[in-house]
Amino acid sequence: LRGKSVDELKAEIKELEKSVKELNQSIKDREDAIVV
């Protein structure tokens, strides 16, 4: 991570958070399908 600016790191964090949110939704969708 050295050599990256604070803004670059913040942008990467936002992108990672978005990916985690999408993965969590995908997991929930599959759990709901199992329940059905």
PDB file of all heavy atoms in Angstrom:
ATOM      1  N   LEU A   1       0.816  -1.221   0.000  1.00  0.00           N
ATOM      2  CA  LEU A   1       0.000   0.000   0.000  1.00  0.00           C
ATOM      3  C   LEU A   1       0.848   1.269   0.000  1.00  0.00           C
ATOM      4  O   LEU A   1       0.325   2.366  -0.166  1.00  0.00           O
ATOM      5  CB  LEU A   1      -0.931   0.005   1.219  1.00  0.00           C
ATOM      6  CG  LEU A   1      -1.894  -1.187   1.317  1.00  0.00           C
ATOM      7  CD1 LEU A   1      -2.696  -1.105   2.605  1.00  0.00           C
ATOM      8  CD2 LEU A   1      -2.802  -1.262   0.109  1.00  0.00           C
ATOM      9  N   ARG A   2       2.131   1.107   0.182  1.00  0.00           N
ATOM     10  CA  ARG A   2       3.014   2.274   0.188  1.00  0.00           C
ATOM     11  C   ARG A   2       3.008   2.948  -1.170  1.00  0.00           C
ATOM     12  O   ARG A   2       2.939   2.314  -2.203  1.00  0.00           O
ATOM     13  CB  ARG A   2       4.433   1.860   0.551  1.00  0.00           C
ATOM     14  CG  ARG A   2       4.530   1.479   2.002  1.00  0.00           C
ATOM     15  CD  ARG A   2       5.953   1.413   2.454  1.00  0.00           C
ATOM     16  NE  ARG A   2       5.938   1.073   3.880  1.00  0.00           N
ATOM     17  CZ  ARG A   2       6.872   0.399   4.474  1.00  0.00           C
ATOM     18  NH1 ARG A   2       7.933   0.004   3.810  1.00  0.00           N
ATOM     19  NH2 ARG A   2       6.780   0.132   5.747  1.00  0.00           N
ATOM     20  N   GLY A   3       3.090   4.239  -1.139  1.00  0.00           N
ATOM     21  CA  GLY A   3       3.120   5.006  -2.378  1.00  0.00           C
ATOM     22  C   GLY A   3       1.739   5.438  -2.845  1.00  0.00           C
ATOM     23  O   GLY A   3       1.617   6.180  -3.806  1.00  0.00           O
ATOM     24  N   LYS A   4       0.693   4.964  -2.191  1.00  0.00           N
ATOM     25  CA  LYS A   4      -0.664   5.365  -2.561  1.00  0.00           C
ATOM     26  C   LYS A   4      -1.072   6.554  -1.710  1.00  0.00           C
ATOM     27  O   LYS A   4      -0.681   6.682  -0.556  1.00  0.00           O
ATOM     28  CB  LYS A   4      -1.647   4.226  -2.356  1.00  0.00           C
ATOM     29  CG  LYS A   4      -1.409   3.060  -3.301  1.00  0.00           C
ATOM     30  CD  LYS A   4      -2.499   2.030  -3.164  1.00  0.00           C
ATOM     31  CE  LYS A   4      -2.251   0.912  -4.178  1.00  0.00           C
ATOM     32  NZ  LYS A   4      -3.344  -0.028  -4.216  1.00  0.00           N
ATOM     33  N   SER A   5      -1.867   7.403  -2.307  1.00  0.00           N
ATOM     34  CA  SER A   5      -2.348   8.576  -1.575  1.00  0.00           C
ATOM     35  C   SER A   5      -3.521   8.176  -0.680  1.00  0.00           C
ATOM     36  O   SER A   5      -4.122   7.108  -0.838  1.00  0.00           O
ATOM     37  CB  SER A   5      -2.799   9.657  -2.559  1.00  0.00           C
ATOM     38  OG  SER A   5      -4.006   9.267  -3.199  1.00  0.00           O
ATOM     39  N   VAL A   6      -3.840   9.054   0.243  1.00  0.00           N
ATOM     40  CA  VAL A   6      -4.985   8.832   1.135  1.00  0.00           C
ATOM     41  C   VAL A   6      -6.260   8.712   0.310  1.00  0.00           C
ATOM     42  O   VAL A   6      -7.102   7.841   0.567  1.00  0.00           O
ATOM     43  CB  VAL A   6      -5.090   9.969   2.180  1.00  0.00           C
ATOM     44  CG1 VAL A   6      -6.397   9.880   2.957  1.00  0.00           C
ATOM     45  CG2 VAL A   6      -3.901   9.948   3.120  1.00  0.00           C
ATOM     46  N   ASP A   7      -6.411   9.554  -0.694  1.00  0.00           N
ATOM     47  CA  ASP A   7      -7.619   9.504  -1.529  1.00  0.00           C
ATOM     48  C   ASP A   7      -7.714   8.180  -2.286  1.00  0.00           C
ATOM     49  O   ASP A   7      -8.804   7.620  -2.434  1.00  0.00           O
ATOM     50  CB  ASP A   7      -7.648  10.679  -2.507  1.00  0.00           C
ATOM     51  CG  ASP A   7      -7.930  12.011  -1.814  1.00  0.00           C
ATOM     52  OD1 ASP A   7      -8.535  11.981  -0.712  1.00  0.00           O
ATOM     53  OD2 ASP A   7      -7.563  13.059  -2.364  1.00  0.00           O
ATOM     54  N   GLU A   8      -6.596   7.661  -2.762  1.00  0.00           N
ATOM     55  CA  GLU A   8      -6.597   6.372  -3.454  1.00  0.00           C
ATOM     56  C   GLU A   8      -7.002   5.250  -2.497  1.00  0.00           C
ATOM     57  O   GLU A   8      -7.789   4.370  -2.858  1.00  0.00           O
ATOM     58  CB  GLU A   8      -5.208   6.070  -4.041  1.00  0.00           C
ATOM     59  CG  GLU A   8      -4.839   6.912  -5.249  1.00  0.00           C
ATOM     60  CD  GLU A   8      -3.404   6.676  -5.698  1.00  0.00           C
ATOM     61  OE1 GLU A   8      -2.514   6.571  -4.830  1.00  0.00           O
ATOM     62  OE2 GLU A   8      -3.195   6.595  -6.920  1.00  0.00           O
ATOM     63  N   LEU A   9      -6.458   5.296  -1.302  1.00  0.00           N
ATOM     64  CA  LEU A   9      -6.790   4.276  -0.309  1.00  0.00           C
ATOM     65  C   LEU A   9      -8.273   4.347   0.081  1.00  0.00           C
ATOM     66  O   LEU A   9      -8.939   3.319   0.223  1.00  0.00           O
ATOM     67  CB  LEU A   9      -5.906   4.412   0.923  1.00  0.00           C
ATOM     68  CG  LEU A   9      -4.421   4.072   0.710  1.00  0.00           C
ATOM     69  CD1 LEU A   9      -3.608   4.457   1.931  1.00  0.00           C
ATOM     70  CD2 LEU A   9      -4.258   2.601   0.384  1.00  0.00           C
ATOM     71  N   LYS A  10      -8.794   5.562   0.251  1.00  0.00           N
ATOM     72  CA  LYS A  10     -10.212   5.727   0.575  1.00  0.00           C
ATOM     73  C   LYS A  10     -11.091   5.194  -0.549  1.00  0.00           C
ATOM     74  O   LYS A  10     -12.116   4.550  -0.299  1.00  0.00           O
ATOM     75  CB  LYS A  10     -10.539   7.197   0.847  1.00  0.00           C
ATOM     76  CG  LYS A  10     -10.048   7.690   2.190  1.00  0.00           C
ATOM     77  CD  LYS A  10     -10.436   9.140   2.405  1.00  0.00           C
ATOM     78  CE  LYS A  10      -9.973   9.654   3.753  1.00  0.00           C
ATOM     79  NZ  LYS A  10     -10.359  11.069   3.948  1.00  0.00           N
ATOM     80  N   ALA A  11     -10.687   5.447  -1.796  1.00  0.00           N
ATOM     81  CA  ALA A  11     -11.453   4.949  -2.948  1.00  0.00           C
ATOM     82  C   ALA A  11     -11.437   3.419  -2.970  1.00  0.00           C
ATOM     83  O   ALA A  11     -12.458   2.779  -3.252  1.00  0.00           O
ATOM     84  CB  ALA A  11     -10.889   5.516  -4.240  1.00  0.00           C
ATOM     85  N   GLU A  12     -10.290   2.829  -2.666  1.00  0.00           N
ATOM     86  CA  GLU A  12     -10.190   1.367  -2.629  1.00  0.00           C
ATOM     87  C   GLU A  12     -11.063   0.788  -1.506  1.00  0.00           C
ATOM     88  O   GLU A  12     -11.703  -0.238  -1.689  1.00  0.00           O
ATOM     89  CB  GLU A  12      -8.738   0.927  -2.447  1.00  0.00           C
ATOM     90  CG  GLU A  12      -7.906   1.097  -3.695  1.00  0.00           C
ATOM     91  CD  GLU A  12      -6.464   0.648  -3.504  1.00  0.00           C
ATOM     92  OE1 GLU A  12      -6.131   0.061  -2.439  1.00  0.00           O
ATOM     93  OE2 GLU A  12      -5.669   0.884  -4.427  1.00  0.00           O
ATOM     94  N   ILE A  13     -11.087   1.464  -0.370  1.00  0.00           N
ATOM     95  CA  ILE A  13     -11.922   1.024   0.747  1.00  0.00           C
ATOM     96  C   ILE A  13     -13.387   1.038   0.333  1.00  0.00           C
ATOM     97  O   ILE A  13     -14.130   0.082   0.594  1.00  0.00           O
ATOM     98  CB  ILE A  13     -11.680   1.884   2.005  1.00  0.00           C
ATOM     99  CG1 ILE A  13     -10.301   1.577   2.591  1.00  0.00           C
ATOM    100  CG2 ILE A  13     -12.787   1.664   3.041  1.00  0.00           C
ATOM    101  CD1 ILE A  13      -9.870   2.530   3.686  1.00  0.00           C
ATOM    102  N   LYS A  14     -13.821   2.117  -0.320  1.00  0.00           N
ATOM    103  CA  LYS A  14     -15.217   2.208  -0.758  1.00  0.00           C
ATOM    104  C   LYS A  14     -15.557   1.080  -1.730  1.00  0.00           C
ATOM    105  O   LYS A  14     -16.628   0.482  -1.652  1.00  0.00           O
ATOM    106  CB  LYS A  14     -15.505   3.567  -1.388  1.00  0.00           C
ATOM    107  CG  LYS A  14     -15.682   4.662  -0.380  1.00  0.00           C
ATOM    108  CD  LYS A  14     -16.166   5.931  -1.030  1.00  0.00           C
ATOM    109  CE  LYS A  14     -16.375   6.971   0.052  1.00  0.00           C
ATOM    110  NZ  LYS A  14     -17.040   8.153  -0.423  1.00  0.00           N
ATOM    111  N   GLU A  15     -14.644   0.781  -2.641  1.00  0.00           N
ATOM    112  CA  GLU A  15     -14.865  -0.286  -3.613  1.00  0.00           C
ATOM    113  C   GLU A  15     -14.944  -1.650  -2.912  1.00  0.00           C
ATOM    114  O   GLU A  15     -15.797  -2.481  -3.224  1.00  0.00           O
ATOM    115  CB  GLU A  15     -13.760  -0.286  -4.663  1.00  0.00           C
ATOM    116  CG  GLU A  15     -14.007  -1.224  -5.816  1.00  0.00           C
ATOM    117  CD  GLU A  15     -15.252  -0.902  -6.629  1.00  0.00           C
ATOM    118  OE1 GLU A  15     -15.576   0.293  -6.789  1.00  0.00           O
ATOM    119  OE2 GLU A  15     -15.902  -1.851  -7.084  1.00  0.00           O
ATOM    120  N   LEU A  16     -14.053  -1.863  -1.947  1.00  0.00           N
ATOM    121  CA  LEU A  16     -14.083  -3.113  -1.189  1.00  0.00           C
ATOM    122  C   LEU A  16     -15.374  -3.242  -0.378  1.00  0.00           C
ATOM    123  O   LEU A  16     -15.969  -4.327  -0.307  1.00  0.00           O
ATOM    124  CB  LEU A  16     -12.863  -3.213  -0.272  1.00  0.00           C
ATOM    125  CG  LEU A  16     -11.519  -3.442  -0.967  1.00  0.00           C
ATOM    126  CD1 LEU A  16     -10.375  -3.259   0.019  1.00  0.00           C
ATOM    127  CD2 LEU A  16     -11.484  -4.814  -1.603  1.00  0.00           C
ATOM    128  N   GLU A  17     -15.816  -2.155   0.239  1.00  0.00           N
ATOM    129  CA  GLU A  17     -17.065  -2.174   1.004  1.00  0.00           C
ATOM    130  C   GLU A  17     -18.250  -2.498   0.098  1.00  0.00           C
ATOM    131  O   GLU A  17     -19.151  -3.242   0.487  1.00  0.00           O
ATOM    132  CB  GLU A  17     -17.274  -0.843   1.714  1.00  0.00           C
ATOM    133  CG  GLU A  17     -16.350  -0.649   2.909  1.00  0.00           C
ATOM    134  CD  GLU A  17     -16.426   0.741   3.519  1.00  0.00           C
ATOM    135  OE1 GLU A  17     -16.925   1.680   2.852  1.00  0.00           O
ATOM    136  OE2 GLU A  17     -15.976   0.890   4.667  1.00  0.00           O
ATOM    137  N   LYS A  18     -18.234  -1.954  -1.112  1.00  0.00           N
ATOM    138  CA  LYS A  18     -19.301  -2.238  -2.073  1.00  0.00           C
ATOM    139  C   LYS A  18     -19.291  -3.725  -2.434  1.00  0.00           C
ATOM    140  O   LYS A  18     -20.337  -4.371  -2.495  1.00  0.00           O
ATOM    141  CB  LYS A  18     -19.115  -1.388  -3.328  1.00  0.00           C
ATOM    142  CG  LYS A  18     -20.160  -1.612  -4.386  1.00  0.00           C
ATOM    143  CD  LYS A  18     -19.889  -0.775  -5.623  1.00  0.00           C
ATOM    144  CE  LYS A  18     -20.858  -1.145  -6.731  1.00  0.00           C
ATOM    145  NZ  LYS A  18     -20.464  -0.600  -8.010  1.00  0.00           N
ATOM    146  N   SER A  19     -18.112  -4.286  -2.654  1.00  0.00           N
ATOM    147  CA  SER A  19     -17.997  -5.710  -2.985  1.00  0.00           C
ATOM    148  C   SER A  19     -18.496  -6.585  -1.837  1.00  0.00           C
ATOM    149  O   SER A  19     -19.198  -7.578  -2.059  1.00  0.00           O
ATOM    150  CB  SER A  19     -16.549  -6.067  -3.310  1.00  0.00           C
ATOM    151  OG  SER A  19     -16.126  -5.409  -4.466  1.00  0.00           O
ATOM    152  N   VAL A  20     -18.137  -6.221  -0.614  1.00  0.00           N
ATOM    153  CA  VAL A  20     -18.589  -6.981   0.553  1.00  0.00           C
ATOM    154  C   VAL A  20     -20.107  -6.928   0.661  1.00  0.00           C
ATOM    155  O   VAL A  20     -20.766  -7.949   0.921  1.00  0.00           O
ATOM    156  CB  VAL A  20     -17.913  -6.460   1.842  1.00  0.00           C
ATOM    157  CG1 VAL A  20     -18.569  -7.024   3.089  1.00  0.00           C
ATOM    158  CG2 VAL A  20     -16.433  -6.773   1.826  1.00  0.00           C
ATOM    159  N   LYS A  21     -20.692  -5.765   0.448  1.00  0.00           N
ATOM    160  CA  LYS A  21     -22.143  -5.613   0.515  1.00  0.00           C
ATOM    161  C   LYS A  21     -22.824  -6.496  -0.540  1.00  0.00           C
ATOM    162  O   LYS A  21     -23.819  -7.176  -0.255  1.00  0.00           O
ATOM    163  CB  LYS A  21     -22.524  -4.149   0.309  1.00  0.00           C
ATOM    164  CG  LYS A  21     -23.990  -3.865   0.463  1.00  0.00           C
ATOM    165  CD  LYS A  21     -24.287  -2.386   0.308  1.00  0.00           C
ATOM    166  CE  LYS A  21     -25.768  -2.124   0.425  1.00  0.00           C
ATOM    167  NZ  LYS A  21     -26.103  -0.718   0.245  1.00  0.00           N
ATOM    168  N   GLU A  22     -22.277  -6.508  -1.757  1.00  0.00           N
ATOM    169  CA  GLU A  22     -22.844  -7.338  -2.820  1.00  0.00           C
ATOM    170  C   GLU A  22     -22.714  -8.826  -2.495  1.00  0.00           C
ATOM    171  O   GLU A  22     -23.640  -9.606  -2.726  1.00  0.00           O
ATOM    172  CB  GLU A  22     -22.162  -7.026  -4.157  1.00  0.00           C
ATOM    173  CG  GLU A  22     -22.529  -5.662  -4.703  1.00  0.00           C
ATOM    174  CD  GLU A  22     -21.681  -5.237  -5.896  1.00  0.00           C
ATOM    175  OE1 GLU A  22     -20.719  -5.962  -6.259  1.00  0.00           O
ATOM    176  OE2 GLU A  22     -21.977  -4.170  -6.462  1.00  0.00           O
ATOM    177  N   LEU A  23     -21.577  -9.227  -1.926  1.00  0.00           N
ATOM    178  CA  LEU A  23     -21.383 -10.623  -1.546  1.00  0.00           C
ATOM    179  C   LEU A  23     -22.336 -11.023  -0.425  1.00  0.00           C
ATOM    180  O   LEU A  23     -22.909 -12.122  -0.447  1.00  0.00           O
ATOM    181  CB  LEU A  23     -19.937 -10.868  -1.122  1.00  0.00           C
ATOM    182  CG  LEU A  23     -18.914 -10.919  -2.254  1.00  0.00           C
ATOM    183  CD1 LEU A  23     -17.498 -10.941  -1.692  1.00  0.00           C
ATOM    184  CD2 LEU A  23     -19.158 -12.116  -3.148  1.00  0.00           C
ATOM    185  N   ASN A  24     -22.519 -10.147   0.553  1.00  0.00           N
ATOM    186  CA  ASN A  24     -23.456 -10.430   1.651  1.00  0.00           C
ATOM    187  C   ASN A  24     -24.879 -10.601   1.125  1.00  0.00           C
ATOM    188  O   ASN A  24     -25.617 -11.483   1.573  1.00  0.00           O
ATOM    189  CB  ASN A  24     -23.397  -9.344   2.718  1.00  0.00           C
ATOM    190  CG  ASN A  24     -22.186  -9.469   3.609  1.00  0.00           C
ATOM    191  OD1 ASN A  24     -21.642 -10.554   3.775  1.00  0.00           O
ATOM    192  ND2 ASN A  24     -21.752  -8.365   4.178  1.00  0.00           N
ATOM    193  N   GLN A  25     -25.271  -9.782   0.153  1.00  0.00           N
ATOM    194  CA  GLN A  25     -26.605  -9.900  -0.442  1.00  0.00           C
ATOM    195  C   GLN A  25     -26.728 -11.214  -1.208  1.00  0.00           C
ATOM    196  O   GLN A  25     -27.747 -11.895  -1.143  1.00  0.00           O
ATOM    197  CB  GLN A  25     -26.910  -8.715  -1.358  1.00  0.00           C
ATOM    198  CG  GLN A  25     -28.311  -8.744  -1.933  1.00  0.00           C
ATOM    199  CD  GLN A  25     -29.384  -8.723  -0.860  1.00  0.00           C
ATOM    200  OE1 GLN A  25     -29.355  -7.900   0.045  1.00  0.00           O
ATOM    201  NE2 GLN A  25     -30.343  -9.639  -0.951  1.00  0.00           N
ATOM    202  N   SER A  26     -25.670 -11.575  -1.898  1.00  0.00           N
ATOM    203  CA  SER A  26     -25.660 -12.835  -2.639  1.00  0.00           C
ATOM    204  C   SER A  26     -25.797 -14.033  -1.695  1.00  0.00           C
ATOM    205  O   SER A  26     -26.530 -14.989  -1.969  1.00  0.00           O
ATOM    206  CB  SER A  26     -24.365 -12.937  -3.449  1.00  0.00           C
ATOM    207  OG  SER A  26     -24.348 -14.104  -4.211  1.00  0.00           O
ATOM    208  N   ILE A  27     -25.120 -13.979  -0.556  1.00  0.00           N
ATOM    209  CA  ILE A  27     -25.238 -15.041   0.455  1.00  0.00           C
ATOM    210  C   ILE A  27     -26.664 -15.101   0.988  1.00  0.00           C
ATOM    211  O   ILE A  27     -27.259 -16.178   1.098  1.00  0.00           O
ATOM    212  CB  ILE A  27     -24.230 -14.814   1.597  1.00  0.00           C
ATOM    213  CG1 ILE A  27     -22.810 -15.074   1.100  1.00  0.00           C
ATOM    214  CG2 ILE A  27     -24.561 -15.690   2.801  1.00  0.00           C
ATOM    215  CD1 ILE A  27     -21.722 -14.619   2.049  1.00  0.00           C
ATOM    216  N   LYS A  28     -27.247 -13.940   1.301  1.00  0.00           N
ATOM    217  CA  LYS A  28     -28.621 -13.897   1.827  1.00  0.00           C
ATOM    218  C   LYS A  28     -29.605 -14.460   0.805  1.00  0.00           C
ATOM    219  O   LYS A  28     -30.512 -15.208   1.160  1.00  0.00           O
ATOM    220  CB  LYS A  28     -29.004 -12.476   2.207  1.00  0.00           C
ATOM    221  CG  LYS A  28     -30.386 -12.407   2.842  1.00  0.00           C
ATOM    222  CD  LYS A  28     -30.766 -11.017   3.237  1.00  0.00           C
ATOM    223  CE  LYS A  28     -32.132 -10.928   3.844  1.00  0.00           C
ATOM    224  NZ  LYS A  28     -33.139 -11.865   3.448  1.00  0.00           N
ATOM    225  N   ASP A  29     -29.418 -14.127  -0.472  1.00  0.00           N
ATOM    226  CA  ASP A  29     -30.299 -14.648  -1.519  1.00  0.00           C
ATOM    227  C   ASP A  29     -30.252 -16.174  -1.563  1.00  0.00           C
ATOM    228  O   ASP A  29     -31.275 -16.843  -1.707  1.00  0.00           O
ATOM    229  CB  ASP A  29     -29.907 -14.086  -2.887  1.00  0.00           C
ATOM    230  CG  ASP A  29     -30.188 -12.596  -3.016  1.00  0.00           C
ATOM    231  OD1 ASP A  29     -30.934 -12.039  -2.184  1.00  0.00           O
ATOM    232  OD2 ASP A  29     -29.638 -11.988  -3.957  1.00  0.00           O
ATOM    233  N   ARG A  30     -29.070 -16.730  -1.423  1.00  0.00           N
ATOM    234  CA  ARG A  30     -28.924 -18.182  -1.444  1.00  0.00           C
ATOM    235  C   ARG A  30     -29.511 -18.840  -0.189  1.00  0.00           C
ATOM    236  O   ARG A  30     -30.129 -19.898  -0.263  1.00  0.00           O
ATOM    237  CB  ARG A  30     -27.461 -18.567  -1.633  1.00  0.00           C
ATOM    238  CG  ARG A  30     -27.053 -18.426  -3.096  1.00  0.00           C
ATOM    239  CD  ARG A  30     -25.584 -18.162  -3.303  1.00  0.00           C
ATOM    240  NE  ARG A  30     -25.267 -18.037  -4.707  1.00  0.00           N
ATOM    241  CZ  ARG A  30     -25.492 -16.960  -5.455  1.00  0.00           C
ATOM    242  NH1 ARG A  30     -26.082 -15.897  -4.919  1.00  0.00           N
ATOM    243  NH2 ARG A  30     -25.174 -16.930  -6.729  1.00  0.00           N
ATOM    244  N   GLU A  31     -29.344 -18.196   0.954  1.00  0.00           N
ATOM    245  CA  GLU A  31     -29.961 -18.701   2.185  1.00  0.00           C
ATOM    246  C   GLU A  31     -31.484 -18.690   2.056  1.00  0.00           C
ATOM    247  O   GLU A  31     -32.154 -19.650   2.451  1.00  0.00           O
ATOM    248  CB  GLU A  31     -29.520 -17.876   3.386  1.00  0.00           C
ATOM    249  CG  GLU A  31     -28.085 -18.102   3.783  1.00  0.00           C
ATOM    250  CD  GLU A  31     -27.606 -17.179   4.887  1.00  0.00           C
ATOM    251  OE1 GLU A  31     -28.298 -16.194   5.227  1.00  0.00           O
ATOM    252  OE2 GLU A  31     -26.520 -17.455   5.417  1.00  0.00           O
ATOM    253  N   ASP A  32     -32.026 -17.610   1.486  1.00  0.00           N
ATOM    254  CA  ASP A  32     -33.472 -17.523   1.277  1.00  0.00           C
ATOM    255  C   ASP A  32     -33.957 -18.619   0.330  1.00  0.00           C
ATOM    256  O   ASP A  32     -35.029 -19.190   0.527  1.00  0.00           O
ATOM    257  CB  ASP A  32     -33.859 -16.147   0.731  1.00  0.00           C
ATOM    258  CG  ASP A  32     -33.677 -15.035   1.755  1.00  0.00           C
ATOM    259  OD1 ASP A  32     -33.507 -15.324   2.955  1.00  0.00           O
ATOM    260  OD2 ASP A  32     -33.699 -13.853   1.337  1.00  0.00           O
ATOM    261  N   ALA A  33     -33.162 -18.923  -0.701  1.00  0.00           N
ATOM    262  CA  ALA A  33     -33.531 -19.980  -1.637  1.00  0.00           C
ATOM    263  C   ALA A  33     -33.550 -21.336  -0.937  1.00  0.00           C
ATOM    264  O   ALA A  33     -34.436 -22.165  -1.194  1.00  0.00           O
ATOM    265  CB  ALA A  33     -32.558 -20.002  -2.814  1.00  0.00           C
ATOM    266  N   ILE A  34     -32.597 -21.564  -0.045  1.00  0.00           N
ATOM    267  CA  ILE A  34     -32.579 -22.809   0.722  1.00  0.00           C
ATOM    268  C   ILE A  34     -33.831 -22.910   1.581  1.00  0.00           C
ATOM    269  O   ILE A  34     -34.475 -23.970   1.644  1.00  0.00           O
ATOM    270  CB  ILE A  34     -31.304 -22.907   1.589  1.00  0.00           C
ATOM    271  CG1 ILE A  34     -30.086 -23.148   0.698  1.00  0.00           C
ATOM    272  CG2 ILE A  34     -31.431 -24.007   2.647  1.00  0.00           C
ATOM    273  CD1 ILE A  34     -28.747 -23.040   1.415  1.00  0.00           C
ATOM    274  N   VAL A  35     -34.220 -21.817   2.224  1.00  0.00           N
ATOM    275  CA  VAL A  35     -35.426 -21.812   3.060  1.00  0.00           C
ATOM    276  C   VAL A  35     -36.646 -22.182   2.220  1.00  0.00           C
ATOM    277  O   VAL A  35     -37.471 -23.000   2.630  1.00  0.00           O
ATOM    278  CB  VAL A  35     -35.618 -20.437   3.741  1.00  0.00           C
ATOM    279  CG1 VAL A  35     -37.005 -20.320   4.358  1.00  0.00           C
ATOM    280  CG2 VAL A  35     -34.551 -20.218   4.795  1.00  0.00           C
ATOM    281  N   VAL A  36     -36.756 -21.602   1.041  1.00  0.00           N
ATOM    282  CA  VAL A  36     -37.903 -21.894   0.169  1.00  0.00           C
ATOM    283  C   VAL A  36     -37.931 -23.382  -0.182  1.00  0.00           C
ATOM    284  O   VAL A  36     -38.998 -24.008  -0.207  1.00  0.00           O
ATOM    285  CB  VAL A  36     -37.849 -21.024  -1.102  1.00  0.00           C
ATOM    286  CG1 VAL A  36     -38.835 -21.502  -2.148  1.00  0.00           C
ATOM    287  CG2 VAL A  36     -38.113 -19.564  -0.758  1.00  0.00           C
TER     288      VAL A  36
END
